[in-house]
Amino acid sequence: MAFSTPAFPLPSVPFSVDLSQPLAFGAPQVVALFPVRLETRFFTVATGGSELRVRVYPDKVHVDTHEPDLTEQELLWGTHFWEETWRGANDAAHA
């Protein structure tokens, strides 16, 4: 998978121990949030503490667009496939 330069440069936000500090890095920008699947897991670190690791898997967008009926082309080529399969059933060269 190749990564390209984003349309908007990603900000470099400095680490802050004080979590009450708001993260501000310029003018507000539009962000698109697509559906994702999250997997979380705690790992033990060398200092004896634990670390939360999060994996983010993007889901397919618009998976609810299923059309149960076949299109004309799907019906035509499906019929063609099964007719050819039926004709070549006893012919080793066509099977």
Protein backbone atom coordinates (compact mmCIF):
# COMPACT_ATOMS: atom_id res chain seq x y z
CA MET A 1 0.00 0.00 0.00
CA ALA A 2 1.47 3.33 -1.00
CA PHE A 3 0.92 6.41 1.15
CA SER A 4 0.61 9.80 -0.45
CA THR A 5 1.01 13.26 0.98
CA PRO A 6 -2.28 14.30 2.60
CA ALA A 7 -4.22 17.20 1.13
CA PHE A 8 -3.83 18.97 4.47
CA PRO A 9 -0.49 18.71 6.23
CA LEU A 10 -0.80 16.81 9.49
CA PRO A 11 0.01 18.97 12.50
CA SER A 12 2.90 18.18 14.80
CA VAL A 13 1.37 18.27 18.28
CA PRO A 14 3.96 18.32 21.09
CA PHE A 15 3.56 15.81 23.91
CA SER A 16 2.12 17.29 27.07
CA VAL A 17 2.03 15.53 30.43
CA ASP A 18 -0.80 17.82 31.47
CA LEU A 19 -3.83 16.32 29.74
CA SER A 20 -5.97 19.32 30.66
CA GLN A 21 -4.15 21.42 28.05
CA PRO A 22 -6.23 21.67 24.86
CA LEU A 23 -4.53 20.58 21.68
CA ALA A 24 -4.54 23.68 19.50
CA PHE A 25 -2.50 23.83 16.34
CA GLY A 26 -4.08 26.41 14.11
CA ALA A 27 -7.34 27.16 12.39
CA PRO A 28 -10.08 24.50 12.55
CA GLN A 29 -10.10 22.05 9.66
CA VAL A 30 -12.77 19.72 8.32
CA VAL A 31 -12.29 16.09 9.32
CA ALA A 32 -14.17 13.17 7.77
CA LEU A 33 -14.82 10.31 10.17
CA PHE A 34 -15.59 7.04 8.45
CA PRO A 35 -16.74 3.87 10.19
CA VAL A 36 -13.87 1.94 11.74
CA ARG A 37 -13.36 -1.20 13.80
CA LEU A 38 -11.22 -0.76 16.90
CA GLU A 39 -9.24 -3.48 18.63
CA THR A 40 -7.62 -2.70 21.98
CA ARG A 41 -5.15 -4.66 24.06
CA PHE A 42 -3.03 -4.01 27.13
CA PHE A 43 0.67 -4.93 27.04
CA THR A 44 3.07 -5.12 29.97
CA VAL A 45 6.04 -2.80 29.55
CA ALA A 46 9.57 -3.16 30.98
CA THR A 47 8.88 -0.65 33.77
CA GLY A 48 6.18 -2.94 35.17
CA GLY A 49 3.30 -0.80 34.02
CA SER A 50 0.95 -1.47 31.17
CA GLU A 51 0.41 0.15 27.81
CA LEU A 52 -2.83 0.34 25.88
CA ARG A 53 -2.41 -0.37 22.17
CA VAL A 54 -5.18 0.43 19.73
CA ARG A 55 -5.52 -0.91 16.19
CA VAL A 56 -7.83 0.92 13.81
CA TYR A 57 -9.26 -1.01 10.85
CA PRO A 58 -11.27 1.00 8.33
CA ASP A 59 -14.63 -0.54 7.46
CA LYS A 60 -16.12 -0.57 4.00
CA VAL A 61 -18.13 2.55 3.30
CA HIS A 62 -21.75 2.19 2.18
CA VAL A 63 -22.04 -1.57 2.66
CA ASP A 64 -25.81 -1.14 2.91
CA THR A 65 -26.19 -0.69 -0.88
CA HIS A 66 -26.88 -4.37 -1.58
CA GLU A 67 -29.12 -4.88 -4.61
CA PRO A 68 -30.69 -8.37 -4.46
CA ASP A 69 -31.82 -8.42 -8.10
CA LEU A 70 -29.39 -9.29 -10.89
CA THR A 71 -28.68 -6.73 -13.58
CA GLU A 72 -29.33 -7.62 -17.23
CA GLN A 73 -25.61 -8.15 -17.84
CA GLU A 74 -25.23 -10.38 -14.77
CA LEU A 75 -28.22 -12.47 -15.87
CA LEU A 76 -26.93 -12.73 -19.46
CA TRP A 77 -23.40 -13.78 -18.48
CA GLY A 78 -24.62 -16.10 -15.72
CA THR A 79 -26.92 -17.87 -18.20
CA HIS A 80 -24.08 -18.07 -20.73
CA PHE A 81 -21.73 -19.58 -18.12
CA TRP A 82 -24.18 -22.27 -17.06
CA GLU A 83 -25.15 -23.14 -20.65
CA GLU A 84 -21.48 -23.57 -21.58
CA THR A 85 -20.85 -25.61 -18.43
CA TRP A 86 -23.82 -27.86 -19.26
CA ARG A 87 -22.65 -28.31 -22.87
CA GLY A 88 -19.10 -29.17 -21.80
CA ALA A 89 -20.08 -31.52 -18.98
CA ASN A 90 -19.12 -34.71 -20.86
CA ASP A 91 -16.38 -33.11 -22.98
CA ALA A 92 -12.96 -33.11 -21.25
CA ALA A 93 -11.68 -30.34 -23.56
CA HIS A 94 -14.49 -27.96 -22.46
CA ALA A 95 -14.83 -28.98 -18.82
